[in-house]
């Protein structure tokens, strides 16, 4: 194509066509490169976005359940955190780490207190939390214990009965969801 353009000569009309073609070529080359990068990012969820300049993303106020180490809350916390933050390739790991730190308390915070707030620190922290709290047997036992520890009715009391029904139903549904 370049040879054909050069054969046309250098008069003003041909020069204008040449410039137009070169502009289209540059535009399409940039467009294709951009689309290829997007496809690479979409096809590789483990890709770290830090190779590009860091983008500060202003996230909306999120109501992430606070996790204090109670095993019965782990699955909900984990699913919520993953769906809102961790699956995003746009948000840098260091920002995810700050959100994670703001969503944990108590023993959980103590377990990870010495991990530096950094890109790598987020992954290390998440792996520690999963290793510690992703114990299906203990989670099941926690839900069963919640049901077994319910106090029996000593007299006809609607609010106490409602509490027993709600606690039992909540824990049974949590167990069903784990299947």
N, C-alpha and C. Protein backbone atom coordinates (compact mmCIF):
# COMPACT_ATOMS: atom_id res chain seq x y z
N UNK A 1 0.83 -1.18 0.00
CA UNK A 1 0.00 0.00 0.00
C UNK A 1 0.88 1.25 0.00
N UNK A 2 1.92 1.22 0.81
CA UNK A 2 2.84 2.37 0.88
C UNK A 2 3.46 2.64 -0.50
N UNK A 3 3.84 1.56 -1.21
CA UNK A 3 4.44 1.71 -2.54
C UNK A 3 3.46 2.36 -3.51
N UNK A 4 2.18 1.95 -3.44
CA UNK A 4 1.16 2.52 -4.32
C UNK A 4 1.01 4.02 -4.07
N UNK A 5 1.04 4.40 -2.81
CA UNK A 5 0.91 5.81 -2.47
C UNK A 5 2.09 6.62 -2.99
N UNK A 6 3.28 6.05 -2.90
CA UNK A 6 4.47 6.77 -3.36
C UNK A 6 4.50 6.89 -4.87
N UNK A 7 3.90 5.90 -5.60
CA UNK A 7 3.86 5.94 -7.05
C UNK A 7 2.96 7.06 -7.57
N UNK A 8 1.97 7.44 -6.76
CA UNK A 8 1.01 8.45 -7.19
C UNK A 8 1.66 9.83 -7.35
N UNK A 9 2.77 10.02 -6.76
CA UNK A 9 3.43 11.33 -6.87
C UNK A 9 3.14 12.17 -5.66
N UNK A 10 3.54 13.44 -5.74
CA UNK A 10 3.43 14.31 -4.59
C UNK A 10 2.63 15.58 -4.87
N UNK A 11 1.70 15.54 -5.81
CA UNK A 11 0.90 16.74 -5.99
C UNK A 11 -0.07 16.89 -4.82
N UNK A 12 -0.71 18.03 -4.70
CA UNK A 12 -1.49 18.34 -3.51
C UNK A 12 -2.66 17.39 -3.29
N UNK A 13 -3.33 16.94 -4.34
CA UNK A 13 -4.45 16.01 -4.18
C UNK A 13 -3.95 14.65 -3.68
N UNK A 14 -2.88 14.19 -4.28
CA UNK A 14 -2.31 12.91 -3.85
C UNK A 14 -1.75 13.02 -2.43
N UNK A 15 -1.17 14.14 -2.12
CA UNK A 15 -0.63 14.35 -0.77
C UNK A 15 -1.76 14.32 0.26
N UNK A 16 -2.89 14.93 -0.11
CA UNK A 16 -4.05 14.95 0.79
C UNK A 16 -4.57 13.52 1.01
N UNK A 17 -4.63 12.73 -0.08
CA UNK A 17 -5.07 11.34 0.04
C UNK A 17 -4.07 10.55 0.90
N UNK A 18 -2.80 10.81 0.68
CA UNK A 18 -1.76 10.14 1.44
C UNK A 18 -1.91 10.45 2.94
N UNK A 19 -2.10 11.72 3.26
CA UNK A 19 -2.25 12.13 4.66
C UNK A 19 -3.51 11.51 5.28
N UNK A 20 -4.57 11.44 4.49
CA UNK A 20 -5.82 10.88 4.97
C UNK A 20 -5.65 9.38 5.27
N UNK A 21 -5.00 8.68 4.35
CA UNK A 21 -4.75 7.25 4.53
C UNK A 21 -3.84 7.00 5.73
N UNK A 22 -2.82 7.82 5.87
CA UNK A 22 -1.91 7.66 6.99
C UNK A 22 -2.63 7.91 8.32
N UNK A 23 -3.52 8.89 8.35
CA UNK A 23 -4.32 9.16 9.54
C UNK A 23 -5.22 8.00 9.90
N UNK A 24 -5.86 7.43 8.88
CA UNK A 24 -6.71 6.26 9.11
C UNK A 24 -5.89 5.08 9.62
N UNK A 25 -4.73 4.88 9.01
CA UNK A 25 -3.85 3.79 9.42
C UNK A 25 -3.45 3.96 10.88
N UNK A 26 -3.04 5.14 11.29
CA UNK A 26 -2.64 5.39 12.68
C UNK A 26 -3.81 5.18 13.63
N UNK A 27 -4.97 5.68 13.23
CA UNK A 27 -6.16 5.52 14.07
C UNK A 27 -6.49 4.05 14.26
N UNK A 28 -6.51 3.28 13.16
CA UNK A 28 -6.86 1.87 13.24
C UNK A 28 -5.82 1.06 14.02
N UNK A 29 -4.57 1.41 13.85
CA UNK A 29 -3.51 0.73 14.60
C UNK A 29 -3.70 0.95 16.09
N UNK A 30 -3.96 2.18 16.50
CA UNK A 30 -4.20 2.48 17.91
C UNK A 30 -5.45 1.79 18.43
N UNK A 31 -6.51 1.80 17.62
CA UNK A 31 -7.76 1.17 17.99
C UNK A 31 -7.57 -0.33 18.22
N UNK A 32 -6.87 -0.97 17.30
CA UNK A 32 -6.63 -2.42 17.41
C UNK A 32 -5.78 -2.73 18.65
N UNK A 33 -4.76 -1.94 18.89
CA UNK A 33 -3.92 -2.17 20.06
C UNK A 33 -4.72 -2.01 21.35
N UNK A 34 -5.58 -1.01 21.40
CA UNK A 34 -6.42 -0.80 22.58
C UNK A 34 -7.35 -1.99 22.81
N UNK A 35 -7.99 -2.45 21.73
CA UNK A 35 -8.91 -3.59 21.85
C UNK A 35 -8.17 -4.86 22.26
N UNK A 36 -6.96 -5.04 21.75
CA UNK A 36 -6.17 -6.22 22.12
C UNK A 36 -5.82 -6.19 23.61
N UNK A 37 -5.48 -5.00 24.12
CA UNK A 37 -5.18 -4.88 25.55
C UNK A 37 -6.42 -5.19 26.38
N UNK A 38 -7.58 -4.70 25.96
CA UNK A 38 -8.82 -4.97 26.67
C UNK A 38 -9.11 -6.46 26.69
N UNK A 39 -8.90 -7.13 25.57
CA UNK A 39 -9.13 -8.57 25.51
C UNK A 39 -8.16 -9.32 26.41
N UNK A 40 -6.92 -8.89 26.45
CA UNK A 40 -5.94 -9.52 27.32
C UNK A 40 -6.35 -9.37 28.78
N UNK A 41 -6.82 -8.18 29.15
CA UNK A 41 -7.24 -7.94 30.53
C UNK A 41 -8.47 -8.77 30.87
N UNK A 42 -9.43 -8.84 29.94
CA UNK A 42 -10.66 -9.59 30.19
C UNK A 42 -10.40 -11.09 30.26
N UNK A 43 -9.44 -11.57 29.50
CA UNK A 43 -9.16 -13.00 29.46
C UNK A 43 -8.26 -13.48 30.57
N UNK A 44 -7.69 -12.61 31.34
CA UNK A 44 -6.74 -13.00 32.38
C UNK A 44 -7.08 -12.33 33.69
N UNK A 45 -7.97 -12.97 34.52
CA UNK A 45 -8.39 -12.32 35.76
C UNK A 45 -7.27 -12.16 36.78
N UNK A 46 -6.20 -12.93 36.67
CA UNK A 46 -5.10 -12.81 37.61
C UNK A 46 -4.10 -11.73 37.23
N UNK A 47 -4.33 -11.09 36.07
CA UNK A 47 -3.41 -10.07 35.59
C UNK A 47 -3.39 -8.89 36.56
N UNK A 48 -2.22 -8.44 36.91
CA UNK A 48 -2.09 -7.33 37.84
C UNK A 48 -2.08 -6.03 37.03
N UNK A 49 -2.92 -5.12 37.37
CA UNK A 49 -3.08 -3.88 36.63
C UNK A 49 -1.95 -2.90 36.88
N UNK A 50 -1.02 -3.22 37.74
CA UNK A 50 0.02 -2.28 38.10
C UNK A 50 1.00 -2.00 36.97
N UNK A 51 0.93 -2.75 35.84
CA UNK A 51 1.81 -2.47 34.72
C UNK A 51 1.41 -1.16 34.05
N UNK A 52 0.17 -0.76 34.20
CA UNK A 52 -0.32 0.52 33.68
C UNK A 52 -0.24 1.54 34.82
N UNK A 53 -0.29 2.82 34.49
CA UNK A 53 -0.31 3.81 35.56
C UNK A 53 -1.51 3.57 36.48
N UNK A 54 -1.31 3.73 37.77
CA UNK A 54 -2.35 3.47 38.74
C UNK A 54 -3.52 4.43 38.55
N UNK A 55 -4.71 3.88 38.58
CA UNK A 55 -5.92 4.67 38.41
C UNK A 55 -6.60 4.78 39.77
N UNK A 56 -6.85 5.97 40.20
CA UNK A 56 -7.58 6.18 41.45
C UNK A 56 -9.06 6.14 41.12
N UNK A 57 -9.72 5.12 41.62
CA UNK A 57 -11.13 4.94 41.36
C UNK A 57 -11.89 5.38 42.60
N UNK A 58 -12.77 6.33 42.43
CA UNK A 58 -13.60 6.79 43.54
C UNK A 58 -14.81 5.88 43.60
N UNK A 59 -14.82 4.99 44.58
CA UNK A 59 -15.90 4.04 44.72
C UNK A 59 -17.06 4.65 45.50
N UNK A 60 -18.27 4.19 45.18
CA UNK A 60 -19.40 4.66 45.98
C UNK A 60 -19.31 4.08 47.38
N UNK A 61 -19.99 4.71 48.32
CA UNK A 61 -20.00 4.22 49.69
C UNK A 61 -20.61 2.82 49.69
N UNK A 62 -19.85 1.84 50.14
CA UNK A 62 -20.32 0.46 50.16
C UNK A 62 -20.65 0.05 51.59
N UNK A 63 -21.65 -0.75 51.71
CA UNK A 63 -21.99 -1.29 53.02
C UNK A 63 -21.53 -2.74 53.06
N UNK A 64 -20.24 -2.92 53.26
CA UNK A 64 -19.71 -4.27 53.36
C UNK A 64 -19.88 -4.72 54.81
N UNK A 65 -20.41 -5.90 54.96
CA UNK A 65 -20.59 -6.47 56.28
C UNK A 65 -19.25 -6.50 57.00
N UNK A 66 -19.23 -6.03 58.23
CA UNK A 66 -18.01 -6.10 59.03
C UNK A 66 -17.79 -7.55 59.43
N UNK A 67 -16.56 -8.00 59.34
CA UNK A 67 -16.23 -9.37 59.72
C UNK A 67 -15.31 -9.34 60.92
N UNK A 68 -15.77 -9.97 62.02
CA UNK A 68 -15.00 -9.96 63.25
C UNK A 68 -14.40 -11.32 63.59
N UNK A 69 -14.60 -12.28 62.70
CA UNK A 69 -14.05 -13.61 62.94
C UNK A 69 -15.11 -14.64 63.27
N UNK A 70 -16.36 -14.22 63.33
CA UNK A 70 -17.44 -15.16 63.60
C UNK A 70 -17.64 -16.03 62.36
N UNK A 71 -17.43 -17.34 62.51
CA UNK A 71 -17.47 -18.25 61.36
C UNK A 71 -18.80 -18.22 60.61
N UNK A 72 -19.88 -17.99 61.30
CA UNK A 72 -21.17 -17.99 60.61
C UNK A 72 -21.32 -16.80 59.66
N UNK A 73 -20.49 -15.78 59.84
CA UNK A 73 -20.54 -14.61 58.96
C UNK A 73 -19.54 -14.69 57.80
N UNK A 74 -18.63 -15.66 57.83
CA UNK A 74 -17.55 -15.71 56.84
C UNK A 74 -18.05 -15.81 55.41
N UNK A 75 -18.94 -16.73 55.12
CA UNK A 75 -19.37 -16.97 53.75
C UNK A 75 -20.02 -15.72 53.17
N UNK A 76 -20.86 -15.08 53.95
CA UNK A 76 -21.52 -13.85 53.48
C UNK A 76 -20.49 -12.75 53.25
N UNK A 77 -19.58 -12.58 54.21
CA UNK A 77 -18.54 -11.56 54.05
C UNK A 77 -17.69 -11.83 52.81
N UNK A 78 -17.23 -13.05 52.67
CA UNK A 78 -16.36 -13.41 51.55
C UNK A 78 -17.06 -13.17 50.22
N UNK A 79 -18.29 -13.66 50.08
CA UNK A 79 -19.02 -13.49 48.82
C UNK A 79 -19.26 -12.02 48.51
N UNK A 80 -19.61 -11.24 49.53
CA UNK A 80 -19.85 -9.82 49.31
C UNK A 80 -18.56 -9.10 48.91
N UNK A 81 -17.49 -9.37 49.61
CA UNK A 81 -16.22 -8.71 49.31
C UNK A 81 -15.74 -9.07 47.91
N UNK A 82 -15.81 -10.35 47.58
CA UNK A 82 -15.36 -10.78 46.25
C UNK A 82 -16.20 -10.15 45.14
N UNK A 83 -17.51 -10.14 45.33
CA UNK A 83 -18.36 -9.60 44.26
C UNK A 83 -18.23 -8.09 44.11
N UNK A 84 -18.01 -7.38 45.20
CA UNK A 84 -17.92 -5.92 45.12
C UNK A 84 -16.53 -5.40 44.78
N UNK A 85 -15.50 -6.09 45.24
CA UNK A 85 -14.16 -5.53 45.09
C UNK A 85 -13.15 -6.45 44.43
N UNK A 86 -13.03 -7.65 44.94
CA UNK A 86 -11.89 -8.47 44.54
C UNK A 86 -11.94 -8.89 43.08
N UNK A 87 -13.12 -9.09 42.52
CA UNK A 87 -13.20 -9.50 41.12
C UNK A 87 -12.90 -8.37 40.14
N UNK A 88 -12.75 -7.16 40.62
CA UNK A 88 -12.49 -6.01 39.76
C UNK A 88 -11.01 -5.93 39.40
N UNK A 89 -10.73 -5.84 38.09
CA UNK A 89 -9.34 -5.67 37.66
C UNK A 89 -9.00 -4.20 37.55
N UNK A 90 -9.98 -3.34 37.70
CA UNK A 90 -9.74 -1.90 37.59
C UNK A 90 -9.19 -1.34 38.89
N UNK A 91 -9.65 -1.90 40.01
CA UNK A 91 -9.24 -1.39 41.31
C UNK A 91 -7.90 -2.00 41.70
N UNK A 92 -6.89 -1.19 41.95
CA UNK A 92 -5.58 -1.73 42.34
C UNK A 92 -5.67 -2.48 43.67
N UNK A 93 -4.82 -3.47 43.83
CA UNK A 93 -4.83 -4.30 45.05
C UNK A 93 -4.64 -3.48 46.32
N UNK A 94 -3.87 -2.41 46.25
CA UNK A 94 -3.65 -1.62 47.45
C UNK A 94 -4.95 -0.95 47.92
N UNK A 95 -5.78 -0.52 46.97
CA UNK A 95 -7.08 0.05 47.34
C UNK A 95 -8.00 -1.04 47.91
N UNK A 96 -7.94 -2.24 47.30
CA UNK A 96 -8.72 -3.36 47.83
C UNK A 96 -8.30 -3.66 49.27
N UNK A 97 -7.00 -3.55 49.52
CA UNK A 97 -6.47 -3.82 50.86
C UNK A 97 -7.04 -2.82 51.87
N UNK A 98 -7.11 -1.56 51.48
CA UNK A 98 -7.67 -0.55 52.39
C UNK A 98 -9.14 -0.85 52.70
N UNK A 99 -9.90 -1.25 51.68
CA UNK A 99 -11.29 -1.62 51.91
C UNK A 99 -11.39 -2.84 52.82
N UNK A 100 -10.51 -3.80 52.60
CA UNK A 100 -10.51 -5.00 53.44
C UNK A 100 -10.21 -4.64 54.89
N UNK A 101 -9.21 -3.79 55.10
CA UNK A 101 -8.86 -3.38 56.46
C UNK A 101 -10.01 -2.66 57.15
N UNK A 102 -10.78 -1.89 56.38
CA UNK A 102 -11.91 -1.17 56.99
C UNK A 102 -13.09 -2.09 57.27
N UNK A 103 -13.09 -3.29 56.69
CA UNK A 103 -14.22 -4.20 56.84
C UNK A 103 -13.97 -5.31 57.86
N UNK A 104 -12.81 -5.31 58.51
CA UNK A 104 -12.52 -6.36 59.49
C UNK A 104 -12.28 -5.74 60.86
N UNK A 105 -12.46 -6.54 61.88
CA UNK A 105 -12.25 -6.06 63.24
C UNK A 105 -11.89 -7.23 64.15
N UNK A 106 -11.57 -6.91 65.37
CA UNK A 106 -11.31 -7.92 66.39
C UNK A 106 -10.13 -8.82 66.07
N UNK A 107 -10.33 -10.12 66.29
CA UNK A 107 -9.27 -11.10 66.08
C UNK A 107 -8.77 -11.12 64.64
N UNK A 108 -9.65 -10.86 63.71
CA UNK A 108 -9.26 -10.88 62.30
C UNK A 108 -8.20 -9.81 62.04
N UNK A 109 -8.41 -8.63 62.57
CA UNK A 109 -7.44 -7.55 62.38
C UNK A 109 -6.12 -7.88 63.05
N UNK A 110 -6.19 -8.51 64.22
CA UNK A 110 -5.00 -8.88 64.94
C UNK A 110 -4.16 -9.89 64.14
N UNK A 111 -4.82 -10.81 63.46
CA UNK A 111 -4.12 -11.85 62.70
C UNK A 111 -3.27 -11.25 61.58
N UNK A 112 -3.73 -10.17 60.99
CA UNK A 112 -3.03 -9.61 59.82
C UNK A 112 -2.35 -8.27 60.10
N UNK A 113 -2.27 -7.87 61.35
CA UNK A 113 -1.78 -6.53 61.68
C UNK A 113 -0.35 -6.25 61.22
N UNK A 114 0.48 -7.26 61.05
CA UNK A 114 1.88 -7.03 60.69
C UNK A 114 2.14 -7.12 59.19
N UNK A 115 1.12 -7.35 58.42
CA UNK A 115 1.29 -7.42 56.97
C UNK A 115 1.29 -6.00 56.42
N UNK A 116 2.32 -5.64 55.65
CA UNK A 116 2.38 -4.26 55.13
C UNK A 116 1.27 -3.98 54.12
N UNK A 117 0.78 -2.77 54.16
CA UNK A 117 -0.26 -2.36 53.21
C UNK A 117 0.43 -2.10 51.88
N UNK A 118 0.27 -3.06 50.97
CA UNK A 118 0.91 -2.98 49.66
C UNK A 118 0.13 -3.84 48.68
N UNK A 119 0.55 -3.79 47.42
CA UNK A 119 -0.09 -4.62 46.39
C UNK A 119 -0.02 -6.10 46.78
N UNK A 120 1.17 -6.57 47.16
CA UNK A 120 1.37 -7.98 47.52
C UNK A 120 0.67 -8.29 48.83
N UNK A 121 0.65 -7.33 49.74
CA UNK A 121 0.05 -7.53 51.05
C UNK A 121 -1.41 -7.91 50.97
N UNK A 122 -2.11 -7.37 50.00
CA UNK A 122 -3.54 -7.70 49.85
C UNK A 122 -3.72 -9.19 49.58
N UNK A 123 -2.98 -9.70 48.61
CA UNK A 123 -3.11 -11.13 48.25
C UNK A 123 -2.70 -12.02 49.43
N UNK A 124 -1.62 -11.67 50.10
CA UNK A 124 -1.15 -12.46 51.24
C UNK A 124 -2.23 -12.46 52.33
N UNK A 125 -2.78 -11.30 52.62
CA UNK A 125 -3.82 -11.19 53.65
C UNK A 125 -5.04 -12.00 53.28
N UNK A 126 -5.48 -11.89 52.04
CA UNK A 126 -6.68 -12.62 51.61
C UNK A 126 -6.46 -14.13 51.73
N UNK A 127 -5.28 -14.60 51.35
CA UNK A 127 -4.97 -16.03 51.46
C UNK A 127 -4.97 -16.48 52.92
N UNK A 128 -4.46 -15.66 53.82
CA UNK A 128 -4.46 -15.99 55.25
C UNK A 128 -5.90 -16.10 55.76
N UNK A 129 -6.74 -15.14 55.38
CA UNK A 129 -8.13 -15.17 55.83
C UNK A 129 -8.87 -16.39 55.30
N UNK A 130 -8.67 -16.71 54.04
CA UNK A 130 -9.34 -17.87 53.45
C UNK A 130 -8.86 -19.15 54.14
N UNK A 131 -7.57 -19.25 54.35
CA UNK A 131 -7.02 -20.45 55.01
C UNK A 131 -7.57 -20.61 56.42
N UNK A 132 -7.73 -19.50 57.10
CA UNK A 132 -8.18 -19.55 58.50
C UNK A 132 -9.69 -19.76 58.65
N UNK A 133 -10.49 -19.11 57.81
CA UNK A 133 -11.94 -19.11 58.01
C UNK A 133 -12.72 -19.95 57.01
N UNK A 134 -12.11 -20.41 55.95
CA UNK A 134 -12.81 -21.20 54.94
C UNK A 134 -12.75 -22.68 55.35
N UNK A 135 -13.33 -22.99 56.50
CA UNK A 135 -13.34 -24.35 57.03
C UNK A 135 -14.80 -24.79 57.11
N UNK A 136 -15.22 -25.52 56.10
CA UNK A 136 -16.63 -25.87 55.97
C UNK A 136 -17.15 -26.63 57.19
N UNK A 137 -16.35 -27.55 57.70
CA UNK A 137 -16.77 -28.34 58.84
C UNK A 137 -17.03 -27.45 60.06
N UNK A 138 -16.13 -26.51 60.32
CA UNK A 138 -16.32 -25.61 61.45
C UNK A 138 -17.51 -24.67 61.25
N UNK A 139 -17.72 -24.23 60.03
CA UNK A 139 -18.86 -23.36 59.74
C UNK A 139 -20.16 -24.12 59.98
N UNK A 140 -20.23 -25.36 59.51
CA UNK A 140 -21.42 -26.19 59.73
C UNK A 140 -21.65 -26.40 61.23
N UNK A 141 -20.58 -26.73 61.95
CA UNK A 141 -20.70 -26.92 63.40
C UNK A 141 -21.20 -25.66 64.10
N UNK A 142 -20.75 -24.50 63.64
CA UNK A 142 -21.20 -23.24 64.24
C UNK A 142 -22.70 -23.06 64.07
N UNK A 143 -23.21 -23.35 62.88
CA UNK A 143 -24.65 -23.21 62.64
C UNK A 143 -25.45 -24.23 63.47
N UNK A 144 -24.95 -25.44 63.56
CA UNK A 144 -25.65 -26.46 64.36
C UNK A 144 -25.63 -26.06 65.84
N UNK A 145 -24.48 -25.58 66.31
CA UNK A 145 -24.40 -25.11 67.71
C UNK A 145 -25.39 -23.99 67.98
N UNK A 146 -25.55 -23.08 67.04
CA UNK A 146 -26.50 -21.98 67.22
C UNK A 146 -27.92 -22.50 67.44
N UNK A 147 -28.26 -23.57 66.73
CA UNK A 147 -29.59 -24.16 66.89
C UNK A 147 -29.68 -24.91 68.21
N UNK A 148 -28.64 -25.67 68.52
CA UNK A 148 -28.68 -26.50 69.74
C UNK A 148 -28.65 -25.65 71.01
N UNK A 149 -28.07 -24.48 70.96
CA UNK A 149 -27.95 -23.63 72.15
C UNK A 149 -29.19 -22.77 72.41
N UNK A 150 -30.19 -22.90 71.56
CA UNK A 150 -31.41 -22.11 71.78
C UNK A 150 -32.07 -22.53 73.08
N UNK A 151 -32.49 -21.54 73.83
CA UNK A 151 -33.16 -21.86 75.10
C UNK A 151 -34.59 -22.31 74.81
N UNK A 152 -35.10 -23.20 75.66
CA UNK A 152 -36.47 -23.68 75.47
C UNK A 152 -37.46 -22.68 76.05
N UNK A 153 -38.65 -22.77 75.55
CA UNK A 153 -39.71 -21.91 76.06
C UNK A 153 -40.10 -22.34 77.47
N UNK A 154 -40.12 -21.40 78.37
CA UNK A 154 -40.53 -21.71 79.75
C UNK A 154 -42.00 -21.34 79.97
N UNK A 155 -42.47 -20.44 79.15
CA UNK A 155 -43.87 -20.02 79.22
C UNK A 155 -44.27 -19.54 77.83
N UNK A 156 -45.53 -19.34 77.63
CA UNK A 156 -45.99 -18.84 76.33
C UNK A 156 -45.53 -17.40 76.18
N UNK A 157 -44.61 -17.21 75.24
CA UNK A 157 -44.02 -15.90 75.02
C UNK A 157 -43.79 -15.74 73.52
N UNK A 158 -44.54 -14.85 72.89
CA UNK A 158 -44.49 -14.69 71.44
C UNK A 158 -43.12 -14.21 70.94
N UNK A 159 -42.52 -13.26 71.64
CA UNK A 159 -41.22 -12.74 71.18
C UNK A 159 -40.12 -13.80 71.32
N UNK A 160 -40.16 -14.59 72.38
CA UNK A 160 -39.17 -15.64 72.56
C UNK A 160 -39.37 -16.73 71.49
N UNK A 161 -40.61 -17.06 71.19
CA UNK A 161 -40.92 -18.04 70.16
C UNK A 161 -40.44 -17.54 68.79
N UNK A 162 -40.66 -16.26 68.51
CA UNK A 162 -40.22 -15.66 67.25
C UNK A 162 -38.70 -15.72 67.14
N UNK A 163 -38.00 -15.48 68.22
CA UNK A 163 -36.54 -15.54 68.22
C UNK A 163 -36.06 -16.97 67.93
N UNK A 164 -36.71 -17.96 68.52
CA UNK A 164 -36.33 -19.36 68.28
C UNK A 164 -36.56 -19.73 66.82
N UNK A 165 -37.72 -19.34 66.30
CA UNK A 165 -38.05 -19.64 64.90
C UNK A 165 -37.06 -18.94 63.96
N UNK A 166 -36.80 -17.67 64.19
CA UNK A 166 -35.89 -16.90 63.32
C UNK A 166 -34.47 -17.47 63.34
N UNK A 167 -33.96 -17.75 64.52
CA UNK A 167 -32.60 -18.29 64.64
C UNK A 167 -32.50 -19.65 63.96
N UNK A 168 -33.48 -20.50 64.20
CA UNK A 168 -33.47 -21.83 63.58
C UNK A 168 -33.54 -21.71 62.06
N UNK A 169 -34.46 -20.90 61.57
CA UNK A 169 -34.63 -20.75 60.13
C UNK A 169 -33.36 -20.17 59.48
N UNK A 170 -32.81 -19.15 60.10
CA UNK A 170 -31.60 -18.50 59.57
C UNK A 170 -30.45 -19.50 59.45
N UNK A 171 -30.22 -20.27 60.50
CA UNK A 171 -29.12 -21.23 60.49
C UNK A 171 -29.39 -22.41 59.54
N UNK A 172 -30.62 -22.86 59.45
CA UNK A 172 -30.94 -23.94 58.49
C UNK A 172 -30.76 -23.46 57.06
N UNK A 173 -31.17 -22.23 56.76
CA UNK A 173 -31.00 -21.71 55.41
C UNK A 173 -29.52 -21.54 55.06
N UNK A 174 -28.73 -21.13 56.04
CA UNK A 174 -27.29 -21.00 55.82
C UNK A 174 -26.68 -22.38 55.50
N UNK A 175 -27.13 -23.39 56.20
CA UNK A 175 -26.64 -24.76 55.95
C UNK A 175 -27.06 -25.24 54.56
N UNK A 176 -28.30 -24.96 54.18
CA UNK A 176 -28.77 -25.35 52.83
C UNK A 176 -27.96 -24.65 51.75
N UNK A 177 -27.63 -23.40 51.96
CA UNK A 177 -26.89 -22.62 50.97
C UNK A 177 -25.47 -23.15 50.77
N UNK A 178 -24.96 -23.88 51.73
CA UNK A 178 -23.59 -24.39 51.63
C UNK A 178 -23.49 -25.63 50.74
N UNK A 179 -24.62 -26.21 50.36
CA UNK A 179 -24.59 -27.42 49.52
C UNK A 179 -23.94 -27.17 48.20
